[in-house]
Each structure stands twice: as C-alpha cells, then as structure tokens.
Full PDB file with SEQRES, HELIX, SHEET, SSBOND, CRYST1, ORIGX, SCALE, CONECT and MASTER records, all heavy atoms in Angstrom:
SEQRES   1 A   44  TYR GLY GLU GLY GLU VAL VAL ASN ILE PRO ILE ALA HIS          
SEQRES   2 A   44  GLY GLU GLY ASN TYR TYR CYS ASP GLU GLU THR LEU ARG          
SEQRES   3 A   44  ARG LEU LYS ALA ARG GLY GLN ILE VAL PHE THR TYR GLU          
SEQRES   4 A   44  ASP ASN PRO ASN GLY                                          
HELIX    1 AA1 GLU A   22  ALA A   30  1                                   9    
CRYST1    1.000    1.000    1.000  90.00  90.00  90.00 P 1           1          
ORIGX1      1.000000  0.000000  0.000000        0.00000                         
ORIGX2      0.000000  1.000000  0.000000        0.00000                         
ORIGX3      0.000000  0.000000  1.000000        0.00000                         
SCALE1      1.000000  0.000000  0.000000        0.00000                         
SCALE2      0.000000  1.000000  0.000000        0.00000                         
SCALE3      0.000000  0.000000  1.000000        0.00000                         
ATOM      1  N   TYR A   1     106.961  90.813  97.639  1.00  0.00           N  
ATOM      2  CA  TYR A   1     107.257  91.645  96.563  1.00  0.00           C  
ATOM      3  C   TYR A   1     108.854  91.465  96.241  1.00  0.00           C  
ATOM      4  O   TYR A   1     109.526  91.033  97.079  1.00  0.00           O  
ATOM      5  CB  TYR A   1     106.950  92.950  96.784  1.00  0.00           C  
ATOM      6  CG  TYR A   1     105.500  93.366  97.028  1.00  0.00           C  
ATOM      7  CD1 TYR A   1     105.032  93.685  98.295  1.00  0.00           C  
ATOM      8  CD2 TYR A   1     104.737  93.410  96.024  1.00  0.00           C  
ATOM      9  CE1 TYR A   1     103.676  93.988  98.453  1.00  0.00           C  
ATOM     10  CE2 TYR A   1     103.238  93.704  96.096  1.00  0.00           C  
ATOM     11  CZ  TYR A   1     102.866  94.011  97.401  1.00  0.00           C  
ATOM     12  OH  TYR A   1     101.482  94.302  97.597  1.00  0.00           O  
ATOM     13  N   GLY A   2     109.192  91.787  95.061  1.00  0.00           N  
ATOM     14  CA  GLY A   2     110.626  91.805  94.742  1.00  0.00           C  
ATOM     15  C   GLY A   2     111.192  93.151  95.069  1.00  0.00           C  
ATOM     16  O   GLY A   2     110.550  94.246  95.011  1.00  0.00           O  
ATOM     17  N   GLU A   3     112.513  93.105  95.434  1.00  0.00           N  
ATOM     18  CA  GLU A   3     113.187  94.473  95.880  1.00  0.00           C  
ATOM     19  C   GLU A   3     113.276  95.241  94.474  1.00  0.00           C  
ATOM     20  O   GLU A   3     113.655  94.762  93.461  1.00  0.00           O  
ATOM     21  CB  GLU A   3     114.726  94.057  96.247  1.00  0.00           C  
ATOM     22  CG  GLU A   3     115.404  95.313  96.838  1.00  0.00           C  
ATOM     23  CD  GLU A   3     115.013  95.539  98.258  1.00  0.00           C  
ATOM     24  OE1 GLU A   3     114.510  94.591  98.949  1.00  0.00           O  
ATOM     25  OE2 GLU A   3     115.388  96.579  98.797  1.00  0.00           O  
ATOM     26  N   GLY A   4     112.820  96.392  94.567  1.00  0.00           N  
ATOM     27  CA  GLY A   4     112.819  97.295  93.432  1.00  0.00           C  
ATOM     28  C   GLY A   4     111.701  97.042  92.494  1.00  0.00           C  
ATOM     29  O   GLY A   4     111.495  97.742  91.463  1.00  0.00           O  
ATOM     30  N   GLU A   5     110.721  96.130  92.716  1.00  0.00           N  
ATOM     31  CA  GLU A   5     109.504  95.832  91.896  1.00  0.00           C  
ATOM     32  C   GLU A   5     108.609  96.996  91.761  1.00  0.00           C  
ATOM     33  O   GLU A   5     108.427  97.684  92.800  1.00  0.00           O  
ATOM     34  CB  GLU A   5     108.957  94.599  92.418  1.00  0.00           C  
ATOM     35  CG  GLU A   5     107.609  94.232  91.563  1.00  0.00           C  
ATOM     36  CD  GLU A   5     106.969  92.996  92.094  1.00  0.00           C  
ATOM     37  OE1 GLU A   5     107.397  92.399  93.129  1.00  0.00           O  
ATOM     38  OE2 GLU A   5     105.903  92.694  91.448  1.00  0.00           O  
ATOM     39  N   VAL A   6     108.181  97.289  90.599  1.00  0.00           N  
ATOM     40  CA  VAL A   6     107.122  98.340  90.495  1.00  0.00           C  
ATOM     41  C   VAL A   6     105.771  97.699  90.382  1.00  0.00           C  
ATOM     42  O   VAL A   6     105.514  96.829  89.570  1.00  0.00           O  
ATOM     43  CB  VAL A   6     107.455  99.172  89.187  1.00  0.00           C  
ATOM     44  CG1 VAL A   6     106.346 100.314  88.947  1.00  0.00           C  
ATOM     45  CG2 VAL A   6     108.719  99.857  89.308  1.00  0.00           C  
ATOM     46  N   VAL A   7     104.922  98.124  91.334  1.00  0.00           N  
ATOM     47  CA  VAL A   7     103.415  97.551  91.435  1.00  0.00           C  
ATOM     48  C   VAL A   7     102.510  98.695  91.105  1.00  0.00           C  
ATOM     49  O   VAL A   7     102.835  99.878  91.304  1.00  0.00           O  
ATOM     50  CB  VAL A   7     103.233  96.959  92.688  1.00  0.00           C  
ATOM     51  CG1 VAL A   7     104.255  95.689  92.845  1.00  0.00           C  
ATOM     52  CG2 VAL A   7     103.450  97.869  93.988  1.00  0.00           C  
ATOM     53  N   ASN A   8     101.266  98.212  90.887  1.00  0.00           N  
ATOM     54  CA  ASN A   8     100.125  99.157  90.438  1.00  0.00           C  
ATOM     55  C   ASN A   8      99.243  99.226  91.585  1.00  0.00           C  
ATOM     56  O   ASN A   8      98.473  98.377  91.878  1.00  0.00           O  
ATOM     57  CB  ASN A   8      99.528  98.749  89.130  1.00  0.00           C  
ATOM     58  CG  ASN A   8      98.479  99.665  88.693  1.00  0.00           C  
ATOM     59  OD1 ASN A   8      98.538 100.921  89.121  1.00  0.00           O  
ATOM     60  ND2 ASN A   8      97.614  99.279  87.890  1.00  0.00           N  
ATOM     61  N   ILE A   9      99.234 100.307  92.443  1.00  0.00           N  
ATOM     62  CA  ILE A   9      98.328 100.474  93.585  1.00  0.00           C  
ATOM     63  C   ILE A   9      97.675 101.851  93.436  1.00  0.00           C  
ATOM     64  O   ILE A   9      98.326 102.827  93.310  1.00  0.00           O  
ATOM     65  CB  ILE A   9      99.159 100.510  94.868  1.00  0.00           C  
ATOM     66  CG1 ILE A   9     100.124  99.214  95.068  1.00  0.00           C  
ATOM     67  CG2 ILE A   9      98.129 100.491  96.067  1.00  0.00           C  
ATOM     68  CD1 ILE A   9      99.219  97.867  95.153  1.00  0.00           C  
ATOM     69  N   PRO A  10      96.360 101.911  93.503  1.00  0.00           N  
ATOM     70  CA  PRO A  10      95.681 103.184  93.273  1.00  0.00           C  
ATOM     71  C   PRO A  10      95.768 104.251  94.445  1.00  0.00           C  
ATOM     72  O   PRO A  10      96.048 103.737  95.549  1.00  0.00           O  
ATOM     73  CB  PRO A  10      94.220 102.711  93.073  1.00  0.00           C  
ATOM     74  CG  PRO A  10      94.024 101.547  93.815  1.00  0.00           C  
ATOM     75  CD  PRO A  10      95.342 100.804  93.619  1.00  0.00           C  
ATOM     76  N   ILE A  11      95.691 105.460  94.155  1.00  0.00           N  
ATOM     77  CA  ILE A  11      95.798 106.523  95.206  1.00  0.00           C  
ATOM     78  C   ILE A  11      94.399 107.279  95.092  1.00  0.00           C  
ATOM     79  O   ILE A  11      93.713 107.224  94.109  1.00  0.00           O  
ATOM     80  CB  ILE A  11      96.840 107.423  95.070  1.00  0.00           C  
ATOM     81  CG1 ILE A  11      96.819 108.182  93.577  1.00  0.00           C  
ATOM     82  CG2 ILE A  11      98.208 106.793  95.116  1.00  0.00           C  
ATOM     83  CD1 ILE A  11      97.796 109.401  93.500  1.00  0.00           C  
ATOM     84  N   ALA A  12      93.993 107.853  96.252  1.00  0.00           N  
ATOM     85  CA  ALA A  12      92.832 108.713  96.334  1.00  0.00           C  
ATOM     86  C   ALA A  12      93.039 109.659  97.400  1.00  0.00           C  
ATOM     87  O   ALA A  12      92.699 109.310  98.597  1.00  0.00           O  
ATOM     88  CB  ALA A  12      91.520 107.843  96.485  1.00  0.00           C  
ATOM     89  N   HIS A  13      93.723 110.800  97.294  1.00  0.00           N  
ATOM     90  CA  HIS A  13      93.893 111.744  98.329  1.00  0.00           C  
ATOM     91  C   HIS A  13      94.080 113.111  97.966  1.00  0.00           C  
ATOM     92  O   HIS A  13      94.495 113.462  96.697  1.00  0.00           O  
ATOM     93  CB  HIS A  13      95.109 111.282  99.127  1.00  0.00           C  
ATOM     94  CG  HIS A  13      96.347 111.196  98.336  1.00  0.00           C  
ATOM     95  ND1 HIS A  13      96.969 109.971  97.800  1.00  0.00           N  
ATOM     96  CD2 HIS A  13      97.097 112.157  97.740  1.00  0.00           C  
ATOM     97  CE1 HIS A  13      98.077 110.139  97.205  1.00  0.00           C  
ATOM     98  NE2 HIS A  13      98.206 111.539  97.086  1.00  0.00           N  
ATOM     99  N   GLY A  14      93.831 114.000  98.857  1.00  0.00           N  
ATOM    100  CA  GLY A  14      94.088 115.437  98.584  1.00  0.00           C  
ATOM    101  C   GLY A  14      95.281 115.955  99.356  1.00  0.00           C  
ATOM    102  O   GLY A  14      95.735 117.029  99.142  1.00  0.00           O  
ATOM    103  N   GLU A  15      95.625 115.274 100.412  1.00  0.00           N  
ATOM    104  CA  GLU A  15      96.734 115.630 101.355  1.00  0.00           C  
ATOM    105  C   GLU A  15      97.571 114.422 101.572  1.00  0.00           C  
ATOM    106  O   GLU A  15      97.691 113.779 102.567  1.00  0.00           O  
ATOM    107  CB  GLU A  15      96.152 116.155 102.739  1.00  0.00           C  
ATOM    108  CG  GLU A  15      95.244 117.453 102.600  1.00  0.00           C  
ATOM    109  CD  GLU A  15      94.736 117.844 103.818  1.00  0.00           C  
ATOM    110  OE1 GLU A  15      95.613 118.203 104.691  1.00  0.00           O  
ATOM    111  OE2 GLU A  15      93.621 117.987 104.014  1.00  0.00           O  
ATOM    112  N   GLY A  16      98.263 114.172 100.405  1.00  0.00           N  
ATOM    113  CA  GLY A  16      99.140 112.866 100.458  1.00  0.00           C  
ATOM    114  C   GLY A  16     100.601 113.342 100.264  1.00  0.00           C  
ATOM    115  O   GLY A  16     101.510 112.520 100.052  1.00  0.00           O  
ATOM    116  N   ASN A  17     100.909 114.632 100.313  1.00  0.00           N  
ATOM    117  CA  ASN A  17     102.224 115.057 100.139  1.00  0.00           C  
ATOM    118  C   ASN A  17     103.059 114.940 101.380  1.00  0.00           C  
ATOM    119  O   ASN A  17     102.954 115.712 102.368  1.00  0.00           O  
ATOM    120  CB  ASN A  17     102.092 116.672  99.839  1.00  0.00           C  
ATOM    121  CG  ASN A  17     103.436 117.420  99.532  1.00  0.00           C  
ATOM    122  OD1 ASN A  17     104.491 116.717  99.802  1.00  0.00           O  
ATOM    123  ND2 ASN A  17     103.382 118.619  99.121  1.00  0.00           N  
ATOM    124  N   TYR A  18     103.993 113.837 101.467  1.00  0.00           N  
ATOM    125  CA  TYR A  18     104.726 113.548 102.641  1.00  0.00           C  
ATOM    126  C   TYR A  18     105.836 114.543 102.820  1.00  0.00           C  
ATOM    127  O   TYR A  18     106.629 114.772 101.869  1.00  0.00           O  
ATOM    128  CB  TYR A  18     105.236 112.094 102.526  1.00  0.00           C  
ATOM    129  CG  TYR A  18     106.028 111.711 103.806  1.00  0.00           C  
ATOM    130  CD1 TYR A  18     105.495 111.419 104.984  1.00  0.00           C  
ATOM    131  CD2 TYR A  18     107.452 111.832 103.788  1.00  0.00           C  
ATOM    132  CE1 TYR A  18     106.238 111.102 106.097  1.00  0.00           C  
ATOM    133  CE2 TYR A  18     108.212 111.642 104.854  1.00  0.00           C  
ATOM    134  CZ  TYR A  18     107.570 111.300 106.086  1.00  0.00           C  
ATOM    135  OH  TYR A  18     108.319 110.950 107.208  1.00  0.00           O  
ATOM    136  N   TYR A  19     105.980 115.007 104.042  1.00  0.00           N  
ATOM    137  CA  TYR A  19     106.980 115.994 104.277  1.00  0.00           C  
ATOM    138  C   TYR A  19     107.674 115.616 105.673  1.00  0.00           C  
ATOM    139  O   TYR A  19     106.980 115.238 106.560  1.00  0.00           O  
ATOM    140  CB  TYR A  19     106.517 117.403 104.375  1.00  0.00           C  
ATOM    141  CG  TYR A  19     107.472 118.389 104.853  1.00  0.00           C  
ATOM    142  CD1 TYR A  19     108.475 118.840 103.941  1.00  0.00           C  
ATOM    143  CD2 TYR A  19     107.544 118.849 106.036  1.00  0.00           C  
ATOM    144  CE1 TYR A  19     109.436 119.736 104.324  1.00  0.00           C  
ATOM    145  CE2 TYR A  19     108.519 119.716 106.568  1.00  0.00           C  
ATOM    146  CZ  TYR A  19     109.475 120.181 105.650  1.00  0.00           C  
ATOM    147  OH  TYR A  19     110.501 120.992 106.106  1.00  0.00           O  
ATOM    148  N   CYS A  20     109.001 115.861 105.629  1.00  0.00           N  
ATOM    149  CA  CYS A  20     109.761 115.751 106.970  1.00  0.00           C  
ATOM    150  C   CYS A  20     110.890 116.712 106.747  1.00  0.00           C  
ATOM    151  O   CYS A  20     111.331 117.108 105.698  1.00  0.00           O  
ATOM    152  CB  CYS A  20     110.170 114.411 107.312  1.00  0.00           C  
ATOM    153  SG  CYS A  20     111.294 113.593 106.025  1.00  0.00           S  
ATOM    154  N   ASP A  21     111.601 117.195 107.790  1.00  0.00           N  
ATOM    155  CA  ASP A  21     112.773 117.878 107.774  1.00  0.00           C  
ATOM    156  C   ASP A  21     113.966 117.093 107.325  1.00  0.00           C  
ATOM    157  O   ASP A  21     113.877 115.857 107.199  1.00  0.00           O  
ATOM    158  CB  ASP A  21     113.051 118.680 109.136  1.00  0.00           C  
ATOM    159  CG  ASP A  21     113.287 117.705 110.286  1.00  0.00           C  
ATOM    160  OD1 ASP A  21     113.861 116.593 110.107  1.00  0.00           O  
ATOM    161  OD2 ASP A  21     112.763 118.018 111.388  1.00  0.00           O  
ATOM    162  N   GLU A  22     114.990 117.809 107.032  1.00  0.00           N  
ATOM    163  CA  GLU A  22     116.291 117.093 106.411  1.00  0.00           C  
ATOM    164  C   GLU A  22     116.796 116.089 107.362  1.00  0.00           C  
ATOM    165  O   GLU A  22     117.215 115.036 106.893  1.00  0.00           O  
ATOM    166  CB  GLU A  22     117.247 118.155 106.036  1.00  0.00           C  
ATOM    167  CG  GLU A  22     116.905 118.987 104.882  1.00  0.00           C  
ATOM    168  CD  GLU A  22     118.050 119.925 104.361  1.00  0.00           C  
ATOM    169  OE1 GLU A  22     119.075 119.808 104.978  1.00  0.00           O  
ATOM    170  OE2 GLU A  22     117.743 120.763 103.546  1.00  0.00           O  
ATOM    171  N   GLU A  23     116.838 116.348 108.680  1.00  0.00           N  
ATOM    172  CA  GLU A  23     117.469 115.452 109.674  1.00  0.00           C  
ATOM    173  C   GLU A  23     116.488 114.189 109.707  1.00  0.00           C  
ATOM    174  O   GLU A  23     117.085 113.013 109.733  1.00  0.00           O  
ATOM    175  CB  GLU A  23     117.469 116.018 111.018  1.00  0.00           C  
ATOM    176  CG  GLU A  23     118.073 115.148 112.116  1.00  0.00           C  
ATOM    177  CD  GLU A  23     119.327 114.556 111.828  1.00  0.00           C  
ATOM    178  OE1 GLU A  23     120.221 115.110 111.021  1.00  0.00           O  
ATOM    179  OE2 GLU A  23     119.636 113.470 112.363  1.00  0.00           O  
ATOM    180  N   THR A  24     115.253 114.317 109.754  1.00  0.00           N  
ATOM    181  CA  THR A  24     114.279 113.217 109.690  1.00  0.00           C  
ATOM    182  C   THR A  24     114.477 112.312 108.442  1.00  0.00           C  
ATOM    183  O   THR A  24     114.558 111.134 108.480  1.00  0.00           O  
ATOM    184  CB  THR A  24     112.849 113.589 109.942  1.00  0.00           C  
ATOM    185  OG1 THR A  24     112.649 114.355 111.092  1.00  0.00           O  
ATOM    186  CG2 THR A  24     111.873 112.428 109.882  1.00  0.00           C  
ATOM    187  N   LEU A  25     114.638 113.033 107.366  1.00  0.00           N  
ATOM    188  CA  LEU A  25     114.790 112.270 106.104  1.00  0.00           C  
ATOM    189  C   LEU A  25     116.086 111.512 106.009  1.00  0.00           C  
ATOM    190  O   LEU A  25     116.163 110.430 105.574  1.00  0.00           O  
ATOM    191  CB  LEU A  25     114.776 113.345 104.976  1.00  0.00           C  
ATOM    192  CG  LEU A  25     114.967 112.705 103.547  1.00  0.00           C  
ATOM    193  CD1 LEU A  25     113.904 111.704 103.178  1.00  0.00           C  
ATOM    194  CD2 LEU A  25     114.978 113.801 102.531  1.00  0.00           C  
ATOM    195  N   ARG A  26     117.133 112.129 106.603  1.00  0.00           N  
ATOM    196  CA  ARG A  26     118.455 111.435 106.704  1.00  0.00           C  
ATOM    197  C   ARG A  26     118.277 110.204 107.522  1.00  0.00           C  
ATOM    198  O   ARG A  26     118.734 109.065 107.140  1.00  0.00           O  
ATOM    199  CB  ARG A  26     119.453 112.367 107.400  1.00  0.00           C  
ATOM    200  CG  ARG A  26     120.934 111.692 107.447  1.00  0.00           C  
ATOM    201  CD  ARG A  26     121.839 112.580 108.359  1.00  0.00           C  
ATOM    202  NE  ARG A  26     121.291 112.507 109.696  1.00  0.00           N  
ATOM    203  CZ  ARG A  26     121.579 111.459 110.437  1.00  0.00           C  
ATOM    204  NH1 ARG A  26     122.229 110.372 110.038  1.00  0.00           N  
ATOM    205  NH2 ARG A  26     121.225 111.479 111.752  1.00  0.00           N  
ATOM    206  N   ARG A  27     117.582 110.280 108.754  1.00  0.00           N  
ATOM    207  CA  ARG A  27     117.388 109.022 109.512  1.00  0.00           C  
ATOM    208  C   ARG A  27     116.572 108.057 108.807  1.00  0.00           C  
ATOM    209  O   ARG A  27     116.857 106.853 108.936  1.00  0.00           O  
ATOM    210  CB  ARG A  27     116.730 109.449 110.881  1.00  0.00           C  
ATOM    211  CG  ARG A  27     117.588 110.274 111.695  1.00  0.00           C  
ATOM    212  CD  ARG A  27     117.108 110.223 113.225  1.00  0.00           C  
ATOM    213  NE  ARG A  27     115.745 110.782 113.312  1.00  0.00           N  
ATOM    214  CZ  ARG A  27     115.450 112.147 113.535  1.00  0.00           C  
ATOM    215  NH1 ARG A  27     116.396 112.981 113.748  1.00  0.00           N  
ATOM    216  NH2 ARG A  27     114.318 112.546 113.629  1.00  0.00           N  
ATOM    217  N   LEU A  28     115.531 108.455 108.069  1.00  0.00           N  
ATOM    218  CA  LEU A  28     114.675 107.496 107.380  1.00  0.00           C  
ATOM    219  C   LEU A  28     115.480 106.730 106.379  1.00  0.00           C  
ATOM    220  O   LEU A  28     115.378 105.533 106.252  1.00  0.00           O  
ATOM    221  CB  LEU A  28     113.537 108.146 106.613  1.00  0.00           C  
ATOM    222  CG  LEU A  28     112.349 108.806 107.393  1.00  0.00           C  
ATOM    223  CD1 LEU A  28     111.495 109.671 106.522  1.00  0.00           C  
ATOM    224  CD2 LEU A  28     111.563 107.654 108.126  1.00  0.00           C  
ATOM    225  N   LYS A  29     116.359 107.414 105.690  1.00  0.00           N  
ATOM    226  CA  LYS A  29     117.226 106.692 104.720  1.00  0.00           C  
ATOM    227  C   LYS A  29     118.216 105.810 105.362  1.00  0.00           C  
ATOM    228  O   LYS A  29     118.513 104.644 104.882  1.00  0.00           O  
ATOM    229  CB  LYS A  29     117.989 107.754 103.880  1.00  0.00           C  
ATOM    230  CG  LYS A  29     117.112 108.510 102.876  1.00  0.00           C  
ATOM    231  CD  LYS A  29     117.881 109.474 102.098  1.00  0.00           C  
ATOM    232  CE  LYS A  29     117.069 110.238 101.119  1.00  0.00           C  
ATOM    233  NZ  LYS A  29     117.928 111.268 100.320  1.00  0.00           N  
ATOM    234  N   ALA A  30     118.931 106.358 106.434  1.00  0.00           N  
ATOM    235  CA  ALA A  30     119.802 105.561 107.087  1.00  0.00           C  
ATOM    236  C   ALA A  30     119.415 104.276 107.793  1.00  0.00           C  
ATOM    237  O   ALA A  30     120.009 103.278 107.765  1.00  0.00           O  
ATOM    238  CB  ALA A  30     120.633 106.450 108.228  1.00  0.00           C  
ATOM    239  N   ARG A  31     118.154 104.346 108.189  1.00  0.00           N  
ATOM    240  CA  ARG A  31     117.570 103.239 108.866  1.00  0.00           C  
ATOM    241  C   ARG A  31     116.625 102.381 107.998  1.00  0.00           C  
ATOM    242  O   ARG A  31     115.988 101.445 108.469  1.00  0.00           O  
ATOM    243  CB  ARG A  31     116.762 103.787 110.153  1.00  0.00           C  
ATOM    244  CG  ARG A  31     117.594 104.443 111.188  1.00  0.00           C  
ATOM    245  CD  ARG A  31     116.722 105.208 112.197  1.00  0.00           C  
ATOM    246  NE  ARG A  31     117.628 105.857 113.145  1.00  0.00           N  
ATOM    247  CZ  ARG A  31     117.281 106.814 114.123  1.00  0.00           C  
ATOM    248  NH1 ARG A  31     115.887 107.016 114.052  1.00  0.00           N  
ATOM    249  NH2 ARG A  31     118.085 107.332 114.917  1.00  0.00           N  
ATOM    250  N   GLY A  32     116.623 102.689 106.658  1.00  0.00           N  
ATOM    251  CA  GLY A  32     115.935 101.893 105.793  1.00  0.00           C  
ATOM    252  C   GLY A  32     114.426 101.907 105.949  1.00  0.00           C  
ATOM    253  O   GLY A  32     113.704 100.922 105.797  1.00  0.00           O  
ATOM    254  N   GLN A  33     113.912 103.094 106.441  1.00  0.00           N  
ATOM    255  CA  GLN A  33     112.425 103.102 106.841  1.00  0.00           C  
ATOM    256  C   GLN A  33     111.525 103.513 105.586  1.00  0.00           C  
ATOM    257  O   GLN A  33     110.408 103.521 105.695  1.00  0.00           O  
ATOM    258  CB  GLN A  33     112.178 104.179 107.920  1.00  0.00           C  
ATOM    259  CG  GLN A  33     112.711 103.657 109.304  1.00  0.00           C  
ATOM    260  CD  GLN A  33     112.646 104.639 110.415  1.00  0.00           C  
ATOM    261  OE1 GLN A  33     113.451 105.220 110.898  1.00  0.00           O  
ATOM    262  NE2 GLN A  33     111.313 104.942 110.769  1.00  0.00           N  
ATOM    263  N   ILE A  34     112.157 103.951 104.401  1.00  0.00           N  
ATOM    264  CA  ILE A  34     111.418 104.226 103.310  1.00  0.00           C  
ATOM    265  C   ILE A  34     111.069 102.860 102.618  1.00  0.00           C  
ATOM    266  O   ILE A  34     111.907 102.145 102.139  1.00  0.00           O  
ATOM    267  CB  ILE A  34     112.130 105.137 102.256  1.00  0.00           C  
ATOM    268  CG1 ILE A  34     112.457 106.353 102.921  1.00  0.00           C  
ATOM    269  CG2 ILE A  34     111.304 105.407 101.087  1.00  0.00           C  
ATOM    270  CD1 ILE A  34     113.323 107.341 102.279  1.00  0.00           C  
ATOM    271  N   VAL A  35     109.687 102.541 102.440  1.00  0.00           N  
ATOM    272  CA  VAL A  35     109.354 101.179 102.050  1.00  0.00           C  
ATOM    273  C   VAL A  35     108.814 101.350 100.555  1.00  0.00           C  
ATOM    274  O   VAL A  35     109.046 100.459  99.747  1.00  0.00           O  
ATOM    275  CB  VAL A  35     108.120 100.678 102.943  1.00  0.00           C  
ATOM    276  CG1 VAL A  35     107.747  99.275 102.429  1.00  0.00           C  
ATOM    277  CG2 VAL A  35     108.652 100.478 104.311  1.00  0.00           C  
ATOM    278  N   PHE A  36     108.076 102.453 100.226  1.00  0.00           N  
ATOM    279  CA  PHE A  36     107.481 102.553  98.856  1.00  0.00           C  
ATOM    280  C   PHE A  36     107.770 103.916  98.419  1.00  0.00           C  
ATOM    281  O   PHE A  36     107.761 105.050  99.163  1.00  0.00           O  
ATOM    282  CB  PHE A  36     105.956 102.364  98.913  1.00  0.00           C  
ATOM    283  CG  PHE A  36     105.514 100.976  99.195  1.00  0.00           C  
ATOM    284  CD1 PHE A  36     104.835 100.718 100.463  1.00  0.00           C  
ATOM    285  CD2 PHE A  36     105.683 100.014  98.235  1.00  0.00           C  
ATOM    286  CE1 PHE A  36     104.459  99.484 100.688  1.00  0.00           C  
ATOM    287  CE2 PHE A  36     105.195  98.740  98.565  1.00  0.00           C  
ATOM    288  CZ  PHE A  36     104.593  98.503  99.801  1.00  0.00           C  
ATOM    289  N   THR A  37     108.015 104.061  97.087  1.00  0.00           N  
ATOM    290  CA  THR A  37     108.302 105.334  96.502  1.00  0.00           C  
ATOM    291  C   THR A  37     107.466 105.487  95.187  1.00  0.00           C  
ATOM    292  O   THR A  37     107.194 104.460  94.550  1.00  0.00           O  
ATOM    293  CB  THR A  37     109.785 105.756  96.066  1.00  0.00           C  
ATOM    294  OG1 THR A  37     110.227 104.659  95.273  1.00  0.00           O  
ATOM    295  CG2 THR A  37     110.666 105.761  97.400  1.00  0.00           C  
ATOM    296  N   TYR A  38     107.011 106.647  94.824  1.00  0.00           N  
ATOM    297  CA  TYR A  38     106.255 106.775  93.582  1.00  0.00           C  
ATOM    298  C   TYR A  38     107.243 106.823  92.453  1.00  0.00           C  
ATOM    299  O   TYR A  38     108.328 107.418  92.496  1.00  0.00           O  
ATOM    300  CB  TYR A  38     105.527 108.129  93.624  1.00  0.00           C  
ATOM    301  CG  TYR A  38     104.464 108.330  94.591  1.00  0.00           C  
ATOM    302  CD1 TYR A  38     104.684 109.139  95.754  1.00  0.00           C  
ATOM    303  CD2 TYR A  38     103.278 107.556  94.598  1.00  0.00           C  
ATOM    304  CE1 TYR A  38     103.670 109.258  96.649  1.00  0.00           C  
ATOM    305  CE2 TYR A  38     102.286 107.671  95.508  1.00  0.00           C  
ATOM    306  CZ  TYR A  38     102.491 108.445  96.558  1.00  0.00           C  
ATOM    307  OH  TYR A  38     101.484 108.644  97.529  1.00  0.00           O  
ATOM    308  N   GLU A  39     106.790 106.211  91.325  1.00  0.00           N  
ATOM    309  CA  GLU A  39     107.476 106.414  90.077  1.00  0.00           C  
ATOM    310  C   GLU A  39     107.290 107.697  89.369  1.00  0.00           C  
ATOM    311  O   GLU A  39     108.067 108.217  88.722  1.00  0.00           O  
ATOM    312  CB  GLU A  39     107.077 105.175  89.148  1.00  0.00           C  
ATOM    313  CG  GLU A  39     107.762 103.774  89.423  1.00  0.00           C  
ATOM    314  CD  GLU A  39     109.212 103.753  89.307  1.00  0.00           C  
ATOM    315  OE1 GLU A  39     109.632 103.441  88.197  1.00  0.00           O  
ATOM    316  OE2 GLU A  39     109.921 103.989  90.320  1.00  0.00           O  
ATOM    317  N   ASP A  40     106.089 108.128  89.495  1.00  0.00           N  
ATOM    318  CA  ASP A  40     105.664 109.437  88.918  1.00  0.00           C  
ATOM    319  C   ASP A  40     104.942 110.273  90.012  1.00  0.00           C  
ATOM    320  O   ASP A  40     103.724 110.122  90.216  1.00  0.00           O  
ATOM    321  CB  ASP A  40     104.662 109.278  87.780  1.00  0.00           C  
ATOM    322  CG  ASP A  40     104.363 110.456  87.062  1.00  0.00           C  
ATOM    323  OD1 ASP A  40     105.022 111.569  87.327  1.00  0.00           O  
ATOM    324  OD2 ASP A  40     103.460 110.535  86.287  1.00  0.00           O  
ATOM    325  N   ASN A  41     105.742 110.992  90.761  1.00  0.00           N  
ATOM    326  CA  ASN A  41     105.195 111.592  92.017  1.00  0.00           C  
ATOM    327  C   ASN A  41     103.938 112.423  91.765  1.00  0.00           C  
ATOM    328  O   ASN A  41     103.936 113.415  91.066  1.00  0.00           O  
ATOM    329  CB  ASN A  41     106.293 112.485  92.585  1.00  0.00           C  
ATOM    330  CG  ASN A  41     106.024 112.938  93.992  1.00  0.00           C  
ATOM    331  OD1 ASN A  41     104.817 113.090  94.357  1.00  0.00           O  
ATOM    332  ND2 ASN A  41     107.077 113.129  94.767  1.00  0.00           N  
ATOM    333  N   PRO A  42     102.819 112.106  92.343  1.00  0.00           N  
ATOM    334  CA  PRO A  42     101.469 112.661  92.074  1.00  0.00           C  
ATOM    335  C   PRO A  42     101.192 113.843  93.048  1.00  0.00           C  
ATOM    336  O   PRO A  42     100.208 114.515  92.832  1.00  0.00           O  
ATOM    337  CB  PRO A  42     100.453 111.499  92.257  1.00  0.00           C  
ATOM    338  CG  PRO A  42     101.072 110.823  93.352  1.00  0.00           C  
ATOM    339  CD  PRO A  42     102.574 110.829  93.188  1.00  0.00           C  
ATOM    340  N   ASN A  43     101.916 113.973  94.097  1.00  0.00           N  
ATOM    341  CA  ASN A  43     101.538 114.877  95.121  1.00  0.00           C  
ATOM    342  C   ASN A  43     102.653 115.814  95.707  1.00  0.00           C  
ATOM    343  O   ASN A  43     102.354 116.593  96.516  1.00  0.00           O  
ATOM    344  CB  ASN A  43     100.845 114.102  96.310  1.00  0.00           C  
ATOM    345  CG  ASN A  43     101.819 112.893  96.736  1.00  0.00           C  
ATOM    346  OD1 ASN A  43     103.057 113.187  96.822  1.00  0.00           O  
ATOM    347  ND2 ASN A  43     101.153 111.880  97.103  1.00  0.00           N  
ATOM    348  N   GLY A  44     103.936 115.538  95.269  1.00  0.00           N  
ATOM    349  CA  GLY A  44     104.966 116.442  95.642  1.00  0.00           C  
ATOM    350  C   GLY A  44     105.785 115.887  96.814  1.00  0.00           C  
ATOM    351  O   GLY A  44     106.555 116.669  97.500  1.00  0.00           O  
TER     352      GLY A  44                                                      
MASTER        0    0    0    1    0    0    0    6  351    1    0    4          
END                                                                             
C-alpha cells in the first residue's frame, strides 16, 4: 500500500469501538503502532 493511501475495506461489527487510556495512546503514536485509521469513523 502507499503511505497515506485510502483503501476500501468493508466492516461488519457491533463492538468495534477501539479504546485505550491516554498513556497507551501516547505509546501507540510514539512507537508507530497505529496502522489503519477510519476516514469517516463509524464506531467512535
């Protein structure tokens, strides 16, 4: 894939709302562990 590329992948879930505390989120960002993000967040 290209860095920053937007791709079309279907979803099908009722419990897809990813959550973590602020410290965990900080680590995810600092270590580059976030791989995909929604363009139009469907679940919060």
